[in-house]
Amino acid sequence: MPLGPWRKKKQATKEHLVENEEVSGGHAGAGGAAKSSVNGAGLPPPPAGLRPKLVFHTQLAHGSPTGRIEGFTNVKELYAKIAEAFSISPPEILFCTLNTHKIDMEKLLGGQIGLEDFIFAHIKGIKKEVEVYKSEDALGLTITDNGAGYAFIKRIKEGSIADRVKVICVGDHIECINGCNIIGTRHYEVARMLKELPRDKSFSLKLVEPMKAFDMLEPRSKGAAKPANENKIGTGRGTLRLRSKGPATVEDEPTEFEEKAVKKVDDLLESYMGIRDTELAATMVEVGRDKNNPDEFAMALDETLGDFAFPDEFVFDVWGAIGDAKQGRL
């Protein structure tokens, strides 16, 4: 299908706590590197014997004993395993970070987990409600989601409307917009809803901030990027790649091409759609790396990511970014 307006398509291990394990420098042990099948839309999860035999260490970010989890193939299953380890409900988990208990959006768990990464789960904390006057078209918010139905704030642009409302913080889960519950709404839809709010009128947000430990009570973060060498996740032996569709696989660390291309595509997602999503960006890079022209790339995107209606200009720019990364121009 050539480029043009696109329509959306419809489309048995037990964890235990380790009371005396060190937190700092904790790593997850890798039990094996077997590939597994992930449940697609409407399909049952794969048999336990086909799931990756990898053991990861985890804690609740505000403080807890260390748990051990294994046998998950997607983010929802990961949250269920963490919830079981700590005897909480899966919906209590807002998001996870890797190798830090802080609300660091550059260490956010996306579609890949390094085989030696330590997983910190951030659970629901204080609920808050705020009224915002939209004096400009852009609020200055970048939205992402946790892969399990919760959209939250990944970045706040300095000097923006949102930046001036000090109650709004990076990491806050957006629960309601003008009284409308948006749990289960994807990040790109939430970004569109916020963008379409009328200018020169007030609107309300119901937010849930992550529970904080005492040493995390510090000035709110804008979610600003850190130097590239501080943003790398994983320590060397490979990653577990979680996909919303298709198998979960153990892969080598991302190549320089993949890292640069994914970062650029993620930047384009923020620029065009107001979201950041490294898993989505990585999928787009994977789809486009062997395509010969933009139309072929557009058709492949339509087949792989039919839920998204990407603007033509965005598709061209993504295609160009992948090509630049291949040629070493990024």
C-alpha atoms as a PDB file:
ATOM      1  CA  MET A   1       0.000   0.000   0.000  1.00  0.00           C
ATOM      2  CA  PRO A   2       1.470   3.367  -0.965  1.00  0.00           C
ATOM      3  CA  LEU A   3       1.694   6.187   1.527  1.00  0.00           C
ATOM      4  CA  GLY A   4      -1.559   7.916   2.269  1.00  0.00           C
ATOM      5  CA  PRO A   5      -4.142   8.301   5.067  1.00  0.00           C
ATOM      6  CA  TRP A   6      -4.178   5.110   7.113  1.00  0.00           C
ATOM      7  CA  ARG A   7      -7.087   3.723   9.044  1.00  0.00           C
ATOM      8  CA  LYS A   8      -6.710   1.853  12.291  1.00  0.00           C
ATOM      9  CA  LYS A   9      -7.109  -1.922  12.147  1.00  0.00           C
ATOM     10  CA  LYS A  10      -9.138  -3.910  14.650  1.00  0.00           C
ATOM     11  CA  GLN A  11      -7.746  -6.281  15.275  1.00  0.00           C
ATOM     12  CA  ALA A  12       5.114 -22.202  36.892  1.00  0.00           C
ATOM     13  CA  THR A  13       7.722 -20.830  38.806  1.00  0.00           C
ATOM     14  CA  LYS A  14       7.173 -19.461  42.335  1.00  0.00           C
ATOM     15  CA  GLU A  15       8.921 -16.276  43.412  1.00  0.00           C
ATOM     16  CA  HIS A  16      10.406 -15.735  46.848  1.00  0.00           C
ATOM     17  CA  LEU A  17      11.913 -12.846  48.762  1.00  0.00           C
ATOM     18  CA  VAL A  18      15.577 -12.626  49.649  1.00  0.00           C
ATOM     19  CA  GLU A  19      15.770 -10.734  52.921  1.00  0.00           C
ATOM     20  CA  ASN A  20      19.487  -9.955  53.163  1.00  0.00           C
ATOM     21  CA  GLU A  21      20.589  -9.272  49.592  1.00  0.00           C
ATOM     22  CA  GLU A  22      22.493  -6.102  48.725  1.00  0.00           C
ATOM     23  CA  VAL A  23      20.600  -3.518  46.668  1.00  0.00           C
ATOM     24  CA  SER A  24      23.456  -1.508  45.231  1.00  0.00           C
ATOM     25  CA  GLY A  25      25.130  -3.238  42.325  1.00  0.00           C
ATOM     26  CA  GLY A  26      22.519  -6.025  42.384  1.00  0.00           C
ATOM     27  CA  HIS A  27      22.299  -7.992  39.164  1.00  0.00           C
ATOM     28  CA  ALA A  28      19.881 -10.492  37.736  1.00  0.00           C
ATOM     29  CA  GLY A  29      21.257 -13.906  37.022  1.00  0.00           C
ATOM     30  CA  ALA A  30      20.625 -15.446  33.604  1.00  0.00           C
ATOM     31  CA  GLY A  31      19.389 -19.006  33.795  1.00  0.00           C
ATOM     32  CA  GLY A  32      19.413 -19.733  30.065  1.00  0.00           C
ATOM     33  CA  ALA A  33      18.930 -18.214  26.671  1.00  0.00           C
ATOM     34  CA  ALA A  34      16.048 -20.196  25.249  1.00  0.00           C
ATOM     35  CA  LYS A  35      13.562 -18.461  22.982  1.00  0.00           C
ATOM     36  CA  SER A  36       9.889 -18.524  23.844  1.00  0.00           C
ATOM     37  CA  SER A  37       6.533 -17.799  22.349  1.00  0.00           C
ATOM     38  CA  VAL A  38       4.524 -14.785  23.504  1.00  0.00           C
ATOM     39  CA  ASN A  39       0.754 -14.677  23.513  1.00  0.00           C
ATOM     40  CA  GLY A  40      -0.676 -12.726  20.611  1.00  0.00           C
ATOM     41  CA  ALA A  41      -4.037 -11.018  20.569  1.00  0.00           C
ATOM     42  CA  GLY A  42      -6.678 -13.467  21.772  1.00  0.00           C
ATOM     43  CA  LEU A  43      -4.239 -16.367  22.159  1.00  0.00           C
ATOM     44  CA  PRO A  44      -3.415 -18.180  25.414  1.00  0.00           C
ATOM     45  CA  PRO A  45       0.028 -17.671  26.945  1.00  0.00           C
ATOM     46  CA  PRO A  46       2.700 -20.136  25.845  1.00  0.00           C
ATOM     47  CA  PRO A  47       3.372 -23.232  27.958  1.00  0.00           C
ATOM     48  CA  ALA A  48       5.673 -22.591  30.909  1.00  0.00           C
ATOM     49  CA  GLY A  49       8.316 -24.844  29.356  1.00  0.00           C
ATOM     50  CA  LEU A  50       8.633 -22.528  26.344  1.00  0.00           C
ATOM     51  CA  ARG A  51       9.172 -19.323  28.340  1.00  0.00           C
ATOM     52  CA  PRO A  52      12.625 -17.800  28.817  1.00  0.00           C
ATOM     53  CA  LYS A  53      14.395 -19.508  31.739  1.00  0.00           C
ATOM     54  CA  LEU A  54      15.886 -16.307  33.082  1.00  0.00           C
ATOM     55  CA  VAL A  55      15.864 -15.141  36.678  1.00  0.00           C
ATOM     56  CA  PHE A  56      15.740 -11.426  37.479  1.00  0.00           C
ATOM     57  CA  HIS A  57      16.038  -9.653  40.818  1.00  0.00           C
ATOM     58  CA  THR A  58      13.489  -7.012  41.734  1.00  0.00           C
ATOM     59  CA  GLN A  59      12.514  -4.604  44.503  1.00  0.00           C
ATOM     60  CA  LEU A  60       9.768  -2.087  45.117  1.00  0.00           C
ATOM     61  CA  ALA A  61      11.355   1.281  44.388  1.00  0.00           C
ATOM     62  CA  HIS A  62      10.306   2.889  47.687  1.00  0.00           C
ATOM     63  CA  GLY A  63      11.924   0.038  49.636  1.00  0.00           C
ATOM     64  CA  SER A  64      11.401  -3.697  50.086  1.00  0.00           C
ATOM     65  CA  PRO A  65      13.234  -7.020  50.372  1.00  0.00           C
ATOM     66  CA  THR A  66      14.614  -8.409  47.107  1.00  0.00           C
ATOM     67  CA  GLY A  67      12.414 -10.695  45.040  1.00  0.00           C
ATOM     68  CA  ARG A  68      13.284 -13.181  42.311  1.00  0.00           C
ATOM     69  CA  ILE A  69      11.067 -13.476  39.242  1.00  0.00           C
ATOM     70  CA  GLU A  70      11.103 -15.547  36.068  1.00  0.00           C
ATOM     71  CA  GLY A  71       8.886 -17.022  33.378  1.00  0.00           C
ATOM     72  CA  PHE A  72       7.347 -13.868  31.867  1.00  0.00           C
ATOM     73  CA  THR A  73       7.160 -13.006  28.161  1.00  0.00           C
ATOM     74  CA  ASN A  74       5.567  -9.546  28.131  1.00  0.00           C
ATOM     75  CA  VAL A  75       5.159  -6.520  30.365  1.00  0.00           C
ATOM     76  CA  LYS A  76       1.781  -7.532  31.798  1.00  0.00           C
ATOM     77  CA  GLU A  77       3.167 -10.907  32.817  1.00  0.00           C
ATOM     78  CA  LEU A  78       6.218  -9.163  34.314  1.00  0.00           C
ATOM     79  CA  TYR A  79       3.974  -6.956  36.465  1.00  0.00           C
ATOM     80  CA  ALA A  80       1.986  -9.998  37.557  1.00  0.00           C
ATOM     81  CA  LYS A  81       5.185 -11.772  38.624  1.00  0.00           C
ATOM     82  CA  ILE A  82       6.401  -8.738  40.574  1.00  0.00           C
ATOM     83  CA  ALA A  83       2.988  -8.338  42.223  1.00  0.00           C
ATOM     84  CA  GLU A  84       2.987 -12.007  43.253  1.00  0.00           C
ATOM     85  CA  ALA A  85       6.497 -11.702  44.695  1.00  0.00           C
ATOM     86  CA  PHE A  86       5.465  -8.796  46.943  1.00  0.00           C
ATOM     87  CA  SER A  87       1.828  -9.803  47.601  1.00  0.00           C
ATOM     88  CA  ILE A  88       0.355  -6.736  45.938  1.00  0.00           C
ATOM     89  CA  SER A  89      -2.148  -6.299  43.112  1.00  0.00           C
ATOM     90  CA  PRO A  90      -0.690  -5.902  39.571  1.00  0.00           C
ATOM     91  CA  PRO A  91      -2.675  -2.662  38.979  1.00  0.00           C
ATOM     92  CA  GLU A  92      -0.714  -1.086  41.863  1.00  0.00           C
ATOM     93  CA  ILE A  93       2.409  -1.030  39.650  1.00  0.00           C
ATOM     94  CA  LEU A  94       2.791   2.179  37.635  1.00  0.00           C
ATOM     95  CA  PHE A  95       6.071   1.432  35.836  1.00  0.00           C
ATOM     96  CA  CYS A  96       9.529  -0.070  36.350  1.00  0.00           C
ATOM     97  CA  THR A  97      13.033   1.347  36.123  1.00  0.00           C
ATOM     98  CA  LEU A  98      16.243  -0.580  35.572  1.00  0.00           C
ATOM     99  CA  ASN A  99      19.205  -0.421  37.963  1.00  0.00           C
ATOM    100  CA  THR A 100      17.895   2.584  39.904  1.00  0.00           C
ATOM    101  CA  HIS A 101      15.096   3.097  42.434  1.00  0.00           C
ATOM    102  CA  LYS A 102      14.773   6.736  41.375  1.00  0.00           C
ATOM    103  CA  ILE A 103      12.149   8.096  38.983  1.00  0.00           C
ATOM    104  CA  ASP A 104      14.632   8.280  36.127  1.00  0.00           C
ATOM    105  CA  MET A 105      12.887   8.282  32.770  1.00  0.00           C
ATOM    106  CA  GLU A 106      16.142   7.467  30.986  1.00  0.00           C
ATOM    107  CA  LYS A 107      16.234   4.135  32.845  1.00  0.00           C
ATOM    108  CA  LEU A 108      12.584   3.301  32.199  1.00  0.00           C
ATOM    109  CA  LEU A 109      11.854  -0.338  31.417  1.00  0.00           C
ATOM    110  CA  GLY A 110      10.680  -0.562  27.829  1.00  0.00           C
ATOM    111  CA  GLY A 111      10.849  -3.471  25.421  1.00  0.00           C
ATOM    112  CA  GLN A 112      14.251  -4.750  26.514  1.00  0.00           C
ATOM    113  CA  ILE A 113      15.754  -5.897  29.805  1.00  0.00           C
ATOM    114  CA  GLY A 114      19.482  -6.502  30.109  1.00  0.00           C
ATOM    115  CA  LEU A 115      20.163 -10.012  31.372  1.00  0.00           C
ATOM    116  CA  GLU A 116      21.948  -8.540  34.382  1.00  0.00           C
ATOM    117  CA  ASP A 117      19.531  -5.671  35.028  1.00  0.00           C
ATOM    118  CA  PHE A 118      17.929  -5.156  38.446  1.00  0.00           C
ATOM    119  CA  ILE A 119      14.229  -4.252  38.175  1.00  0.00           C
ATOM    120  CA  PHE A 120      12.671  -1.622  40.461  1.00  0.00           C
ATOM    121  CA  ALA A 121       8.856  -1.422  40.489  1.00  0.00           C
ATOM    122  CA  HIS A 122       7.244   1.953  41.229  1.00  0.00           C
ATOM    123  CA  ILE A 123       3.798   1.570  42.770  1.00  0.00           C
ATOM    124  CA  LYS A 124       0.913   3.984  43.294  1.00  0.00           C
ATOM    125  CA  GLY A 125       1.403   6.716  45.877  1.00  0.00           C
ATOM    126  CA  ILE A 126      -0.460   9.938  46.537  1.00  0.00           C
ATOM    127  CA  LYS A 127      -3.479  10.865  44.414  1.00  0.00           C
ATOM    128  CA  LYS A 128      -3.825  14.506  43.423  1.00  0.00           C
ATOM    129  CA  GLU A 129      -6.147  16.666  41.353  1.00  0.00           C
ATOM    130  CA  VAL A 130      -5.189  19.885  39.612  1.00  0.00           C
ATOM    131  CA  GLU A 131      -6.921  22.482  37.448  1.00  0.00           C
ATOM    132  CA  VAL A 132      -4.864  23.888  34.582  1.00  0.00           C
ATOM    133  CA  TYR A 133      -5.567  26.955  32.451  1.00  0.00           C
ATOM    134  CA  LYS A 134      -4.527  26.244  28.861  1.00  0.00           C
ATOM    135  CA  SER A 135      -3.153  29.608  27.771  1.00  0.00           C
ATOM    136  CA  GLU A 136      -1.117  28.116  24.887  1.00  0.00           C
ATOM    137  CA  ASP A 137      -1.656  25.369  22.323  1.00  0.00           C
ATOM    138  CA  ALA A 138       1.071  23.126  23.750  1.00  0.00           C
ATOM    139  CA  LEU A 139       1.091  22.009  27.388  1.00  0.00           C
ATOM    140  CA  GLY A 140       4.724  20.899  27.318  1.00  0.00           C
ATOM    141  CA  LEU A 141       4.046  17.302  28.342  1.00  0.00           C
ATOM    142  CA  THR A 142       5.532  14.178  26.779  1.00  0.00           C
ATOM    143  CA  ILE A 143       3.440  11.073  27.457  1.00  0.00           C
ATOM    144  CA  THR A 144       4.404   7.414  27.553  1.00  0.00           C
ATOM    145  CA  ASP A 145       2.677   4.322  28.924  1.00  0.00           C
ATOM    146  CA  ASN A 146       3.611   1.254  30.933  1.00  0.00           C
ATOM    147  CA  GLY A 147       2.386  -1.350  28.453  1.00  0.00           C
ATOM    148  CA  ALA A 148      -0.398  -2.371  30.829  1.00  0.00           C
ATOM    149  CA  GLY A 149      -2.943   0.432  30.516  1.00  0.00           C
ATOM    150  CA  TYR A 150      -1.392   3.353  32.416  1.00  0.00           C
ATOM    151  CA  ALA A 151      -0.291   6.529  30.650  1.00  0.00           C
ATOM    152  CA  PHE A 152       2.122   8.728  32.557  1.00  0.00           C
ATOM    153  CA  ILE A 153       4.279  11.834  32.165  1.00  0.00           C
ATOM    154  CA  LYS A 154       7.766  11.158  30.848  1.00  0.00           C
ATOM    155  CA  ARG A 155       8.979  14.712  30.287  1.00  0.00           C
ATOM    156  CA  ILE A 156       7.993  18.292  31.134  1.00  0.00           C
ATOM    157  CA  LYS A 157       9.282  21.029  28.855  1.00  0.00           C
ATOM    158  CA  GLU A 158      10.998  23.811  30.758  1.00  0.00           C
ATOM    159  CA  GLY A 159       9.004  27.047  30.807  1.00  0.00           C
ATOM    160  CA  SER A 160       5.823  25.350  29.529  1.00  0.00           C
ATOM    161  CA  ILE A 161       2.308  25.519  30.988  1.00  0.00           C
ATOM    162  CA  ALA A 162       2.845  22.196  32.752  1.00  0.00           C
ATOM    163  CA  ASP A 163       6.193  23.350  34.120  1.00  0.00           C
ATOM    164  CA  ARG A 164       4.482  26.286  35.834  1.00  0.00           C
ATOM    165  CA  VAL A 165       2.025  23.958  37.606  1.00  0.00           C
ATOM    166  CA  LYS A 166       4.280  22.576  40.320  1.00  0.00           C
ATOM    167  CA  VAL A 167       1.861  19.805  41.311  1.00  0.00           C
ATOM    168  CA  ILE A 168       2.483  18.082  37.960  1.00  0.00           C
ATOM    169  CA  CYS A 169       5.625  15.914  38.030  1.00  0.00           C
ATOM    170  CA  VAL A 170       7.528  13.493  35.835  1.00  0.00           C
ATOM    171  CA  GLY A 171       6.335   9.952  36.601  1.00  0.00           C
ATOM    172  CA  ASP A 172       2.757  10.984  37.426  1.00  0.00           C
ATOM    173  CA  HIS A 173       0.113   8.607  36.072  1.00  0.00           C
ATOM    174  CA  ILE A 174      -2.732  10.457  34.342  1.00  0.00           C
ATOM    175  CA  GLU A 175      -5.908   8.830  35.609  1.00  0.00           C
ATOM    176  CA  CYS A 176      -8.605  11.271  34.414  1.00  0.00           C
ATOM    177  CA  ILE A 177      -8.888  14.254  32.061  1.00  0.00           C
ATOM    178  CA  ASN A 178     -11.902  16.499  32.796  1.00  0.00           C
ATOM    179  CA  GLY A 179     -13.482  13.691  34.793  1.00  0.00           C
ATOM    180  CA  CYS A 180     -13.059  11.144  31.988  1.00  0.00           C
ATOM    181  CA  ASN A 181     -11.249   8.003  33.165  1.00  0.00           C
ATOM    182  CA  ILE A 182      -8.465   7.181  30.675  1.00  0.00           C
ATOM    183  CA  ILE A 183      -7.085   4.000  32.236  1.00  0.00           C
ATOM    184  CA  GLY A 184      -6.464   1.572  29.372  1.00  0.00           C
ATOM    185  CA  THR A 185      -5.969   4.387  26.843  1.00  0.00           C
ATOM    186  CA  ARG A 186      -2.713   4.262  24.872  1.00  0.00           C
ATOM    187  CA  HIS A 187      -0.182   7.077  25.231  1.00  0.00           C
ATOM    188  CA  TYR A 188      -0.699   8.470  21.718  1.00  0.00           C
ATOM    189  CA  GLU A 189      -4.448   8.786  22.352  1.00  0.00           C
ATOM    190  CA  VAL A 190      -3.843  10.553  25.675  1.00  0.00           C
ATOM    191  CA  ALA A 191      -1.405  12.949  23.959  1.00  0.00           C
ATOM    192  CA  ARG A 192      -4.031  13.670  21.292  1.00  0.00           C
ATOM    193  CA  MET A 193      -6.730  14.301  23.936  1.00  0.00           C
ATOM    194  CA  LEU A 194      -4.485  16.794  25.740  1.00  0.00           C
ATOM    195  CA  LYS A 195      -3.559  18.523  22.481  1.00  0.00           C
ATOM    196  CA  GLU A 196      -7.208  18.870  21.473  1.00  0.00           C
ATOM    197  CA  LEU A 197      -8.298  20.518  24.726  1.00  0.00           C
ATOM    198  CA  PRO A 198      -9.589  24.021  23.852  1.00  0.00           C
ATOM    199  CA  ARG A 199      -7.250  26.945  24.333  1.00  0.00           C
ATOM    200  CA  ASP A 200      -8.031  29.733  26.842  1.00  0.00           C
ATOM    201  CA  LYS A 201     -10.067  27.356  29.004  1.00  0.00           C
ATOM    202  CA  SER A 202      -9.340  25.401  32.157  1.00  0.00           C
ATOM    203  CA  PHE A 203      -9.314  21.633  32.418  1.00  0.00           C
ATOM    204  CA  SER A 204      -8.789  19.190  35.273  1.00  0.00           C
ATOM    205  CA  LEU A 205      -6.337  16.336  35.704  1.00  0.00           C
ATOM    206  CA  LYS A 206      -6.465  13.512  38.226  1.00  0.00           C
ATOM    207  CA  LEU A 207      -2.949  12.220  38.776  1.00  0.00           C
ATOM    208  CA  VAL A 208      -1.322   9.452  40.802  1.00  0.00           C
ATOM    209  CA  GLU A 209       2.324   9.944  41.726  1.00  0.00           C
ATOM    210  CA  PRO A 210       4.685   7.021  42.371  1.00  0.00           C
ATOM    211  CA  MET A 211       5.258   6.140  46.018  1.00  0.00           C
ATOM    212  CA  LYS A 212       8.534   7.671  47.163  1.00  0.00           C
ATOM    213  CA  ALA A 213      11.117   6.615  49.689  1.00  0.00           C
ATOM    214  CA  PHE A 214      12.521   9.297  52.022  1.00  0.00           C
ATOM    215  CA  ASP A 215      15.678   9.796  49.950  1.00  0.00           C
ATOM    216  CA  MET A 216      13.579  10.337  46.801  1.00  0.00           C
ATOM    217  CA  LEU A 217      11.823  13.434  48.192  1.00  0.00           C
ATOM    218  CA  GLU A 218      13.683  15.975  46.112  1.00  0.00           C
ATOM    219  CA  PRO A 219      12.878  18.769  43.600  1.00  0.00           C
ATOM    220  CA  ARG A 220      10.786  17.418  40.774  1.00  0.00           C
ATOM    221  CA  SER A 221      12.581  16.342  37.609  1.00  0.00           C
ATOM    222  CA  LYS A 222      11.907  17.697  34.155  1.00  0.00           C
ATOM    223  CA  GLY A 223      12.861  14.322  32.714  1.00  0.00           C
ATOM    224  CA  ALA A 224      15.829  15.847  30.922  1.00  0.00           C
ATOM    225  CA  ALA A 225      18.134  13.557  28.990  1.00  0.00           C
ATOM    226  CA  LYS A 226      21.463  12.540  30.498  1.00  0.00           C
ATOM    227  CA  PRO A 227      24.774  11.977  28.736  1.00  0.00           C
ATOM    228  CA  ALA A 228      24.615   9.017  26.371  1.00  0.00           C
ATOM    229  CA  ASN A 229      27.028   6.902  28.406  1.00  0.00           C
ATOM    230  CA  GLU A 230      24.671   7.161  31.407  1.00  0.00           C
ATOM    231  CA  ASN A 231      21.621   6.089  29.429  1.00  0.00           C
ATOM    232  CA  LYS A 232      22.817   2.611  28.461  1.00  0.00           C
ATOM    233  CA  ILE A 233      20.838  -0.151  30.113  1.00  0.00           C
ATOM    234  CA  GLY A 234      22.345  -3.559  30.718  1.00  0.00           C
ATOM    235  CA  THR A 235      25.897  -4.572  31.435  1.00  0.00           C
ATOM    236  CA  GLY A 236      26.941  -6.798  28.642  1.00  0.00           C
ATOM    237  CA  ARG A 237      25.626 -10.303  28.187  1.00  0.00           C
ATOM    238  CA  GLY A 238      22.561  -9.444  26.144  1.00  0.00           C
ATOM    239  CA  THR A 239      18.934  -8.447  26.614  1.00  0.00           C
ATOM    240  CA  LEU A 240      15.538 -10.055  26.926  1.00  0.00           C
ATOM    241  CA  ARG A 241      13.384  -8.455  24.209  1.00  0.00           C
ATOM    242  CA  LEU A 242       9.700  -8.237  25.134  1.00  0.00           C
ATOM    243  CA  ARG A 243       7.254  -7.709  22.291  1.00  0.00           C
ATOM    244  CA  SER A 244       3.532  -6.998  22.403  1.00  0.00           C
ATOM    245  CA  LYS A 245       3.198  -9.416  19.471  1.00  0.00           C
ATOM    246  CA  GLY A 246       5.560 -12.204  18.539  1.00  0.00           C
ATOM    247  CA  PRO A 247       8.074 -14.160  20.581  1.00  0.00           C
ATOM    248  CA  ALA A 248      10.113 -12.871  23.489  1.00  0.00           C
ATOM    249  CA  THR A 249      13.745 -13.526  22.629  1.00  0.00           C
ATOM    250  CA  VAL A 250      17.192 -13.277  24.152  1.00  0.00           C
ATOM    251  CA  GLU A 251      19.289 -11.012  21.936  1.00  0.00           C
ATOM    252  CA  ASP A 252      22.737  -9.468  21.848  1.00  0.00           C
ATOM    253  CA  GLU A 253      23.223  -5.947  23.150  1.00  0.00           C
ATOM    254  CA  PRO A 254      21.916  -3.364  20.626  1.00  0.00           C
ATOM    255  CA  THR A 255      24.420  -2.382  17.943  1.00  0.00           C
ATOM    256  CA  GLU A 256      25.544   1.224  17.500  1.00  0.00           C
ATOM    257  CA  PHE A 257      23.207   1.469  14.480  1.00  0.00           C
ATOM    258  CA  GLU A 258      20.244   0.217  16.526  1.00  0.00           C
ATOM    259  CA  GLU A 259      20.950   2.525  19.463  1.00  0.00           C
ATOM    260  CA  LYS A 260      21.259   5.626  17.285  1.00  0.00           C
ATOM    261  CA  ALA A 261      18.306   4.757  15.062  1.00  0.00           C
ATOM    262  CA  VAL A 262      16.011   3.959  18.007  1.00  0.00           C
ATOM    263  CA  LYS A 263      16.945   7.192  19.776  1.00  0.00           C
ATOM    264  CA  LYS A 264      16.254   9.248  16.647  1.00  0.00           C
ATOM    265  CA  VAL A 265      12.916   7.527  15.982  1.00  0.00           C
ATOM    266  CA  ASP A 266      11.934   8.015  19.639  1.00  0.00           C
ATOM    267  CA  ASP A 267      12.754  11.731  19.247  1.00  0.00           C
ATOM    268  CA  LEU A 268      10.534  11.834  16.144  1.00  0.00           C
ATOM    269  CA  LEU A 269       7.691  10.175  18.074  1.00  0.00           C
ATOM    270  CA  GLU A 270       7.942  12.932  20.665  1.00  0.00           C
ATOM    271  CA  SER A 271       8.110  15.667  18.033  1.00  0.00           C
ATOM    272  CA  TYR A 272       5.159  14.451  15.944  1.00  0.00           C
ATOM    273  CA  MET A 273       2.942  12.679  18.483  1.00  0.00           C
ATOM    274  CA  GLY A 274       3.931  13.923  21.931  1.00  0.00           C
ATOM    275  CA  ILE A 275       4.939  10.462  23.155  1.00  0.00           C
ATOM    276  CA  ARG A 276       8.131   8.550  23.888  1.00  0.00           C
ATOM    277  CA  ASP A 277       8.190   4.776  23.463  1.00  0.00           C
ATOM    278  CA  THR A 278      11.490   2.954  22.939  1.00  0.00           C
ATOM    279  CA  GLU A 279       9.734  -0.360  22.304  1.00  0.00           C
ATOM    280  CA  LEU A 280       7.687   1.190  19.503  1.00  0.00           C
ATOM    281  CA  ALA A 281      10.784   2.945  18.126  1.00  0.00           C
ATOM    282  CA  ALA A 282      12.775  -0.312  18.188  1.00  0.00           C
ATOM    283  CA  THR A 283       9.966  -2.116  16.350  1.00  0.00           C
ATOM    284  CA  MET A 284       9.912   0.561  13.650  1.00  0.00           C
ATOM    285  CA  VAL A 285      13.682   0.334  13.198  1.00  0.00           C
ATOM    286  CA  GLU A 286      13.446  -3.449  12.975  1.00  0.00           C
ATOM    287  CA  VAL A 287      10.671  -3.186  10.372  1.00  0.00           C
ATOM    288  CA  GLY A 288      12.531  -0.615   8.262  1.00  0.00           C
ATOM    289  CA  ARG A 289      16.117  -1.832   8.296  1.00  0.00           C
ATOM    290  CA  ASP A 290      15.744  -4.110   5.238  1.00  0.00           C
ATOM    291  CA  LYS A 291      13.128  -2.138   3.261  1.00  0.00           C
ATOM    292  CA  ASN A 292      14.125  -0.593  -0.062  1.00  0.00           C
ATOM    293  CA  ASN A 293      11.880   2.467  -0.271  1.00  0.00           C
ATOM    294  CA  PRO A 294       9.368   4.499   1.787  1.00  0.00           C
ATOM    295  CA  ASP A 295       6.298   2.832   0.241  1.00  0.00           C
ATOM    296  CA  GLU A 296       7.614  -0.620   1.126  1.00  0.00           C
ATOM    297  CA  PHE A 297       8.353   0.661   4.639  1.00  0.00           C
ATOM    298  CA  ALA A 298       4.838   2.142   4.929  1.00  0.00           C
ATOM    299  CA  MET A 299       3.228  -1.150   3.922  1.00  0.00           C
ATOM    300  CA  ALA A 300       5.323  -3.047   6.475  1.00  0.00           C
ATOM    301  CA  LEU A 301       4.401  -0.563   9.205  1.00  0.00           C
ATOM    302  CA  ASP A 302       0.727  -0.942   8.333  1.00  0.00           C
ATOM    303  CA  GLU A 303       1.009  -4.719   8.685  1.00  0.00           C
ATOM    304  CA  THR A 304       3.032  -4.644  11.902  1.00  0.00           C
ATOM    305  CA  LEU A 305       1.570  -1.594  13.676  1.00  0.00           C
ATOM    306  CA  GLY A 306      -1.916  -1.298  12.255  1.00  0.00           C
ATOM    307  CA  ASP A 307      -3.270   0.309  15.442  1.00  0.00           C
ATOM    308  CA  PHE A 308      -1.298   3.478  14.700  1.00  0.00           C
ATOM    309  CA  ALA A 309      -2.295   6.019  12.058  1.00  0.00           C
ATOM    310  CA  PHE A 310       1.089   7.608  11.402  1.00  0.00           C
ATOM    311  CA  PRO A 311       1.213  10.865   9.385  1.00  0.00           C
ATOM    312  CA  ASP A 312       2.940  10.495   5.997  1.00  0.00           C
ATOM    313  CA  GLU A 313       5.545  13.122   6.864  1.00  0.00           C
ATOM    314  CA  PHE A 314       6.438  11.202  10.034  1.00  0.00           C
ATOM    315  CA  VAL A 315       6.877   7.958   8.056  1.00  0.00           C
ATOM    316  CA  PHE A 316       9.208   9.710   5.587  1.00  0.00           C
ATOM    317  CA  ASP A 317      11.258  11.164   8.442  1.00  0.00           C
ATOM    318  CA  VAL A 318      11.532   7.786  10.191  1.00  0.00           C
ATOM    319  CA  TRP A 319      12.603   6.175   6.928  1.00  0.00           C
ATOM    320  CA  GLY A 320      15.224   8.894   6.521  1.00  0.00           C
ATOM    321  CA  ALA A 321      16.461   8.452  10.105  1.00  0.00           C
ATOM    322  CA  ILE A 322      16.919   4.705   9.625  1.00  0.00           C
ATOM    323  CA  GLY A 323      18.815   5.372   6.411  1.00  0.00           C
ATOM    324  CA  ASP A 324      21.017   7.973   8.121  1.00  0.00           C
ATOM    325  CA  ALA A 325      21.812   5.516  10.911  1.00  0.00           C
ATOM    326  CA  LYS A 326      22.768   2.850   8.369  1.00  0.00           C
ATOM    327  CA  GLN A 327      25.147   5.298   6.699  1.00  0.00           C
ATOM    328  CA  GLY A 328      26.610   6.471  10.021  1.00  0.00           C
ATOM    329  CA  ARG A 329      25.255   9.996   9.609  1.00  0.00           C
ATOM    330  CA  LEU A 330      23.527  10.205  13.015  1.00  0.00           C
END
